[in-house]
N, C-alpha and C. Protein backbone atom coordinates (compact mmCIF):
# COMPACT_ATOMS: atom_id res chain seq x y z
N MET A 1 -6.23 17.09 -41.53
CA MET A 1 -6.69 15.97 -40.73
C MET A 1 -5.66 15.59 -39.66
N ASN A 2 -4.38 15.54 -40.04
CA ASN A 2 -3.34 15.20 -39.09
C ASN A 2 -3.26 16.21 -37.96
N SER A 3 -3.42 17.48 -38.28
CA SER A 3 -3.34 18.51 -37.25
C SER A 3 -4.51 18.39 -36.27
N ARG A 4 -5.67 17.95 -36.74
CA ARG A 4 -6.81 17.71 -35.84
C ARG A 4 -6.51 16.56 -34.88
N LEU A 5 -5.95 15.48 -35.40
CA LEU A 5 -5.61 14.34 -34.55
C LEU A 5 -4.56 14.73 -33.52
N ILE A 6 -3.60 15.52 -33.94
CA ILE A 6 -2.57 15.98 -33.01
C ILE A 6 -3.21 16.86 -31.95
N GLY A 7 -4.10 17.75 -32.35
CA GLY A 7 -4.80 18.62 -31.40
C GLY A 7 -5.62 17.83 -30.40
N VAL A 8 -6.35 16.84 -30.88
CA VAL A 8 -7.14 15.98 -29.99
C VAL A 8 -6.22 15.21 -29.04
N GLY A 9 -5.10 14.73 -29.56
CA GLY A 9 -4.14 14.01 -28.73
C GLY A 9 -3.56 14.89 -27.64
N VAL A 10 -3.25 16.14 -28.00
CA VAL A 10 -2.71 17.08 -27.02
C VAL A 10 -3.75 17.38 -25.95
N ILE A 11 -4.98 17.63 -26.35
CA ILE A 11 -6.05 17.92 -25.39
C ILE A 11 -6.29 16.73 -24.48
N LEU A 12 -6.32 15.52 -25.02
CA LEU A 12 -6.49 14.32 -24.20
C LEU A 12 -5.33 14.14 -23.23
N SER A 13 -4.12 14.38 -23.70
CA SER A 13 -2.94 14.25 -22.84
C SER A 13 -2.99 15.26 -21.70
N ILE A 14 -3.36 16.48 -22.00
CA ILE A 14 -3.46 17.51 -20.96
C ILE A 14 -4.56 17.13 -19.97
N GLY A 15 -5.68 16.65 -20.47
CA GLY A 15 -6.79 16.24 -19.60
C GLY A 15 -6.41 15.09 -18.69
N LEU A 16 -5.77 14.07 -19.25
CA LEU A 16 -5.33 12.93 -18.44
C LEU A 16 -4.27 13.34 -17.43
N GLY A 17 -3.38 14.23 -17.84
CA GLY A 17 -2.37 14.73 -16.91
C GLY A 17 -3.00 15.49 -15.76
N ALA A 18 -3.98 16.32 -16.06
CA ALA A 18 -4.67 17.08 -15.01
C ALA A 18 -5.40 16.15 -14.06
N ILE A 19 -6.03 15.12 -14.60
CA ILE A 19 -6.73 14.14 -13.76
C ILE A 19 -5.73 13.39 -12.89
N ALA A 20 -4.61 12.99 -13.47
CA ALA A 20 -3.58 12.28 -12.70
C ALA A 20 -3.05 13.15 -11.57
N ILE A 21 -2.81 14.42 -11.85
CA ILE A 21 -2.31 15.33 -10.81
C ILE A 21 -3.34 15.45 -9.69
N ALA A 22 -4.60 15.61 -10.06
CA ALA A 22 -5.66 15.81 -9.07
C ALA A 22 -5.93 14.55 -8.25
N THR A 23 -5.61 13.40 -8.80
CA THR A 23 -5.93 12.14 -8.11
C THR A 23 -4.68 11.40 -7.63
N ASN A 24 -3.55 12.08 -7.57
CA ASN A 24 -2.33 11.47 -7.04
C ASN A 24 -2.52 11.31 -5.53
N PRO A 25 -2.65 10.07 -5.04
CA PRO A 25 -2.94 9.88 -3.61
C PRO A 25 -1.76 10.29 -2.73
N GLY A 26 -2.09 10.85 -1.57
CA GLY A 26 -1.08 11.33 -0.64
C GLY A 26 -0.66 10.29 0.37
N GLN A 27 0.22 10.72 1.27
CA GLN A 27 0.79 9.84 2.30
C GLN A 27 -0.29 9.26 3.21
N GLN A 28 -1.27 10.07 3.59
CA GLN A 28 -2.34 9.59 4.48
C GLN A 28 -3.15 8.48 3.83
N GLU A 29 -3.47 8.64 2.56
CA GLU A 29 -4.22 7.60 1.84
C GLU A 29 -3.41 6.32 1.75
N TYR A 30 -2.11 6.47 1.50
CA TYR A 30 -1.26 5.28 1.44
C TYR A 30 -1.19 4.59 2.79
N ARG A 31 -1.05 5.38 3.83
CA ARG A 31 -0.98 4.81 5.19
C ARG A 31 -2.23 3.97 5.48
N GLU A 32 -3.39 4.49 5.16
CA GLU A 32 -4.64 3.76 5.39
C GLU A 32 -4.71 2.50 4.52
N TYR A 33 -4.31 2.62 3.26
CA TYR A 33 -4.31 1.48 2.35
C TYR A 33 -3.36 0.38 2.84
N ALA A 34 -2.13 0.76 3.16
CA ALA A 34 -1.13 -0.22 3.58
C ALA A 34 -1.53 -0.88 4.90
N ALA A 35 -2.10 -0.12 5.82
CA ALA A 35 -2.55 -0.70 7.09
C ALA A 35 -3.68 -1.70 6.86
N GLN A 36 -4.56 -1.38 5.93
CA GLN A 36 -5.66 -2.30 5.61
C GLN A 36 -5.11 -3.60 5.00
N ILE A 37 -4.16 -3.49 4.09
CA ILE A 37 -3.57 -4.67 3.45
C ILE A 37 -2.83 -5.51 4.50
N LEU A 38 -2.01 -4.86 5.33
CA LEU A 38 -1.26 -5.58 6.35
C LEU A 38 -2.20 -6.25 7.34
N ASN A 39 -3.27 -5.56 7.72
CA ASN A 39 -4.25 -6.12 8.64
C ASN A 39 -4.88 -7.38 8.03
N ALA A 40 -5.22 -7.32 6.76
CA ALA A 40 -5.82 -8.47 6.08
C ALA A 40 -4.84 -9.64 6.03
N ARG A 41 -3.55 -9.36 5.77
CA ARG A 41 -2.55 -10.43 5.72
C ARG A 41 -2.35 -11.06 7.10
N LEU A 42 -2.35 -10.22 8.14
CA LEU A 42 -2.19 -10.76 9.49
C LEU A 42 -3.40 -11.57 9.91
N ARG A 43 -4.59 -11.14 9.50
CA ARG A 43 -5.80 -11.91 9.81
C ARG A 43 -5.76 -13.27 9.09
N GLU A 44 -5.20 -13.28 7.88
CA GLU A 44 -5.03 -14.54 7.15
C GLU A 44 -4.06 -15.45 7.90
N PHE A 45 -3.00 -14.85 8.45
CA PHE A 45 -2.06 -15.62 9.27
C PHE A 45 -2.80 -16.23 10.46
N CYS A 46 -3.65 -15.44 11.10
CA CYS A 46 -4.43 -15.95 12.24
C CYS A 46 -5.30 -17.13 11.82
N ARG A 47 -5.93 -16.98 10.66
CA ARG A 47 -6.80 -18.06 10.18
C ARG A 47 -6.00 -19.33 9.94
N GLN A 48 -4.82 -19.19 9.35
CA GLN A 48 -3.98 -20.35 9.06
C GLN A 48 -3.33 -20.92 10.31
N SER A 49 -3.13 -20.09 11.32
CA SER A 49 -2.47 -20.57 12.54
C SER A 49 -3.36 -21.51 13.33
N ASN A 50 -4.63 -21.56 13.01
CA ASN A 50 -5.55 -22.46 13.68
C ASN A 50 -5.05 -23.90 13.60
N ASN A 51 -4.48 -24.27 12.46
CA ASN A 51 -3.98 -25.64 12.29
C ASN A 51 -2.69 -25.89 13.06
N THR A 52 -1.92 -24.84 13.31
CA THR A 52 -0.60 -25.01 13.93
C THR A 52 -0.63 -24.90 15.44
N VAL A 53 -1.29 -23.90 15.95
CA VAL A 53 -1.22 -23.65 17.39
C VAL A 53 -2.52 -23.92 18.13
N GLY A 54 -3.53 -24.27 17.43
CA GLY A 54 -4.77 -24.65 18.10
C GLY A 54 -5.86 -23.61 18.01
N GLU A 55 -7.08 -24.08 18.18
CA GLU A 55 -8.24 -23.21 18.06
C GLU A 55 -8.31 -22.14 19.15
N TRP A 56 -7.75 -22.40 20.30
CA TRP A 56 -7.87 -21.44 21.40
C TRP A 56 -7.15 -20.12 21.10
N LEU A 57 -6.12 -20.13 20.22
CA LEU A 57 -5.37 -18.92 19.92
C LEU A 57 -6.06 -18.06 18.87
N GLN A 58 -6.84 -18.66 18.00
CA GLN A 58 -7.39 -17.94 16.86
C GLN A 58 -8.19 -16.69 17.26
N PRO A 59 -9.16 -16.74 18.18
CA PRO A 59 -9.88 -15.51 18.51
C PRO A 59 -8.97 -14.45 19.14
N HIS A 60 -7.99 -14.87 19.90
CA HIS A 60 -7.06 -13.92 20.50
C HIS A 60 -6.17 -13.29 19.43
N CYS A 61 -5.81 -14.07 18.45
CA CYS A 61 -4.98 -13.57 17.36
C CYS A 61 -5.71 -12.47 16.61
N TYR A 62 -6.98 -12.69 16.25
CA TYR A 62 -7.77 -11.67 15.56
C TYR A 62 -7.88 -10.41 16.41
N ASN A 63 -8.14 -10.58 17.68
CA ASN A 63 -8.27 -9.44 18.59
C ASN A 63 -6.97 -8.65 18.65
N LEU A 64 -5.86 -9.36 18.74
CA LEU A 64 -4.55 -8.71 18.79
C LEU A 64 -4.27 -7.92 17.51
N VAL A 65 -4.58 -8.51 16.37
CA VAL A 65 -4.35 -7.84 15.09
C VAL A 65 -5.22 -6.59 14.99
N ASP A 66 -6.49 -6.70 15.36
CA ASP A 66 -7.38 -5.54 15.28
C ASP A 66 -6.96 -4.44 16.25
N THR A 67 -6.50 -4.83 17.43
CA THR A 67 -6.06 -3.84 18.42
C THR A 67 -4.78 -3.15 17.96
N ALA A 68 -3.93 -3.87 17.28
CA ALA A 68 -2.64 -3.32 16.85
C ALA A 68 -2.73 -2.48 15.58
N ARG A 69 -3.88 -2.44 14.93
CA ARG A 69 -3.99 -1.76 13.63
C ARG A 69 -3.50 -0.30 13.67
N PRO A 70 -3.88 0.52 14.66
CA PRO A 70 -3.36 1.90 14.65
C PRO A 70 -1.84 1.96 14.77
N TYR A 71 -1.27 1.03 15.51
CA TYR A 71 0.19 0.99 15.66
C TYR A 71 0.85 0.52 14.36
N LEU A 72 0.20 -0.40 13.67
CA LEU A 72 0.71 -0.85 12.37
C LEU A 72 0.73 0.31 11.39
N ALA A 73 -0.35 1.10 11.40
CA ALA A 73 -0.43 2.25 10.49
C ALA A 73 0.69 3.24 10.80
N ALA A 74 0.94 3.49 12.07
CA ALA A 74 2.01 4.41 12.45
C ALA A 74 3.38 3.87 12.06
N THR A 75 3.58 2.56 12.21
CA THR A 75 4.83 1.93 11.82
C THR A 75 5.03 2.02 10.31
N ILE A 76 3.98 1.77 9.57
CA ILE A 76 4.04 1.89 8.11
C ILE A 76 4.41 3.32 7.73
N ASP A 77 3.73 4.28 8.35
CA ASP A 77 3.97 5.68 8.03
C ASP A 77 5.42 6.09 8.30
N SER A 78 5.97 5.65 9.42
CA SER A 78 7.34 6.06 9.76
C SER A 78 8.40 5.29 8.99
N ASN A 79 8.01 4.22 8.31
CA ASN A 79 8.97 3.42 7.54
C ASN A 79 8.71 3.48 6.04
N THR A 80 8.01 4.54 5.61
CA THR A 80 7.69 4.69 4.19
C THR A 80 8.32 5.95 3.64
N LEU A 81 8.92 5.81 2.48
CA LEU A 81 9.49 6.92 1.75
C LEU A 81 8.64 7.14 0.51
N ARG A 82 8.12 8.36 0.37
CA ARG A 82 7.28 8.67 -0.80
C ARG A 82 8.10 9.47 -1.80
N HIS A 83 8.05 9.02 -3.05
CA HIS A 83 8.65 9.75 -4.16
C HIS A 83 7.49 10.32 -4.98
N ASN A 84 7.29 11.62 -4.91
CA ASN A 84 6.16 12.26 -5.59
C ASN A 84 6.62 12.75 -6.96
N PHE A 85 6.04 12.18 -8.00
CA PHE A 85 6.36 12.56 -9.37
C PHE A 85 5.22 13.39 -9.99
N VAL A 86 4.44 14.05 -9.17
CA VAL A 86 3.32 14.91 -9.51
C VAL A 86 2.16 14.13 -10.13
N LEU A 87 2.39 13.41 -11.21
CA LEU A 87 1.33 12.63 -11.84
C LEU A 87 1.03 11.35 -11.06
N PHE A 88 2.03 10.84 -10.37
CA PHE A 88 1.90 9.61 -9.59
C PHE A 88 2.94 9.64 -8.48
N SER A 89 2.82 8.71 -7.56
CA SER A 89 3.79 8.58 -6.47
C SER A 89 4.25 7.14 -6.36
N ILE A 90 5.49 6.98 -5.94
CA ILE A 90 6.05 5.66 -5.63
C ILE A 90 6.28 5.64 -4.12
N TYR A 91 5.78 4.61 -3.46
CA TYR A 91 5.96 4.45 -2.02
C TYR A 91 6.85 3.26 -1.77
N GLN A 92 7.92 3.46 -1.00
CA GLN A 92 8.82 2.37 -0.61
C GLN A 92 8.69 2.19 0.90
N THR A 93 8.21 1.03 1.29
CA THR A 93 7.98 0.74 2.70
C THR A 93 8.86 -0.41 3.13
N ASN A 94 9.61 -0.22 4.19
CA ASN A 94 10.38 -1.29 4.82
C ASN A 94 9.64 -1.70 6.08
N LEU A 95 9.16 -2.93 6.09
CA LEU A 95 8.41 -3.43 7.23
C LEU A 95 9.34 -4.19 8.17
N PRO A 96 9.66 -3.58 9.31
CA PRO A 96 10.51 -4.29 10.27
C PRO A 96 9.70 -5.35 10.99
N VAL A 97 10.15 -6.56 10.89
CA VAL A 97 9.51 -7.69 11.55
C VAL A 97 10.50 -8.19 12.59
N PRO A 98 10.04 -8.78 13.68
CA PRO A 98 11.00 -9.27 14.68
C PRO A 98 12.15 -10.04 14.04
N THR A 99 13.32 -9.97 14.65
CA THR A 99 14.53 -10.50 14.03
C THR A 99 14.50 -11.98 13.72
N SER A 100 13.61 -12.72 14.33
CA SER A 100 13.53 -14.15 14.00
C SER A 100 12.90 -14.36 12.63
N VAL A 101 12.27 -13.32 12.12
CA VAL A 101 11.65 -13.36 10.80
C VAL A 101 12.34 -12.28 9.96
N ALA A 102 12.30 -12.41 8.66
CA ALA A 102 12.96 -11.43 7.78
C ALA A 102 12.18 -10.12 7.72
N ASN A 103 12.87 -9.06 7.33
CA ASN A 103 12.21 -7.79 7.03
C ASN A 103 11.73 -7.82 5.59
N TYR A 104 10.76 -6.98 5.29
CA TYR A 104 10.19 -6.94 3.96
C TYR A 104 10.24 -5.53 3.42
N GLN A 105 10.43 -5.43 2.10
CA GLN A 105 10.35 -4.14 1.42
C GLN A 105 9.25 -4.25 0.39
N VAL A 106 8.35 -3.28 0.42
CA VAL A 106 7.22 -3.26 -0.49
C VAL A 106 7.26 -1.95 -1.27
N GLU A 107 7.10 -2.04 -2.58
CA GLU A 107 7.04 -0.84 -3.41
C GLU A 107 5.67 -0.80 -4.08
N THR A 108 5.07 0.39 -4.02
CA THR A 108 3.69 0.56 -4.45
C THR A 108 3.59 1.80 -5.32
N LEU A 109 2.82 1.70 -6.39
CA LEU A 109 2.53 2.84 -7.26
C LEU A 109 1.19 3.42 -6.84
N GLY A 110 1.16 4.72 -6.62
CA GLY A 110 -0.09 5.42 -6.32
C GLY A 110 -0.45 6.33 -7.47
N ILE A 111 -1.60 6.07 -8.11
CA ILE A 111 -2.05 6.88 -9.24
C ILE A 111 -3.57 6.75 -9.36
N PHE A 112 -4.22 7.82 -9.77
CA PHE A 112 -5.68 7.83 -9.96
C PHE A 112 -6.43 7.34 -8.71
N ASN A 113 -6.02 7.81 -7.54
CA ASN A 113 -6.63 7.42 -6.26
C ASN A 113 -6.61 5.92 -6.01
N SER A 114 -5.64 5.23 -6.58
CA SER A 114 -5.51 3.79 -6.40
C SER A 114 -4.06 3.45 -6.09
N PHE A 115 -3.87 2.25 -5.55
CA PHE A 115 -2.53 1.78 -5.24
C PHE A 115 -2.33 0.41 -5.88
N PHE A 116 -1.12 0.21 -6.39
CA PHE A 116 -0.77 -1.04 -7.04
C PHE A 116 0.59 -1.49 -6.50
N ILE A 117 0.60 -2.61 -5.78
CA ILE A 117 1.86 -3.16 -5.29
C ILE A 117 2.54 -3.83 -6.47
N TYR A 118 3.74 -3.40 -6.78
CA TYR A 118 4.45 -4.00 -7.91
C TYR A 118 5.71 -4.74 -7.48
N LYS A 119 6.08 -4.60 -6.20
CA LYS A 119 7.26 -5.32 -5.74
C LYS A 119 7.13 -5.56 -4.23
N ALA A 120 7.29 -6.79 -3.82
CA ALA A 120 7.32 -7.14 -2.41
C ALA A 120 8.38 -8.22 -2.25
N GLU A 121 9.40 -7.89 -1.48
CA GLU A 121 10.48 -8.85 -1.34
C GLU A 121 10.97 -8.94 0.09
N GLU A 122 11.47 -10.10 0.41
CA GLU A 122 12.07 -10.34 1.72
C GLU A 122 13.51 -9.87 1.67
N LEU A 123 13.90 -9.08 2.66
CA LEU A 123 15.29 -8.58 2.69
C LEU A 123 16.19 -9.51 3.46
């Protein structure tokens, strides 16, 4: 009975490992994911800025964020270091923000075609 359980455990482990290897997301997928997250955060900033700088800026802010999205993706891509561990990947992204604001470092786990931000800190 124990040898059967061990055999089933080994087969399940091999199967999960194979699935993890096949679904380890690459740099392009991360770039798209991170650009989407950053775009959403910037749009949230635009929404909140309505109270600070006035309603006239809000539509321009959204337009600016949407126009800048390809450049944000390129910036993310050039400032990201991927550590590929075959079963999963760790992405370390340093987001350079203008010097009047702090820079940010974001660390993300990529596994099973998904991304999980586990660390985001101001440098």
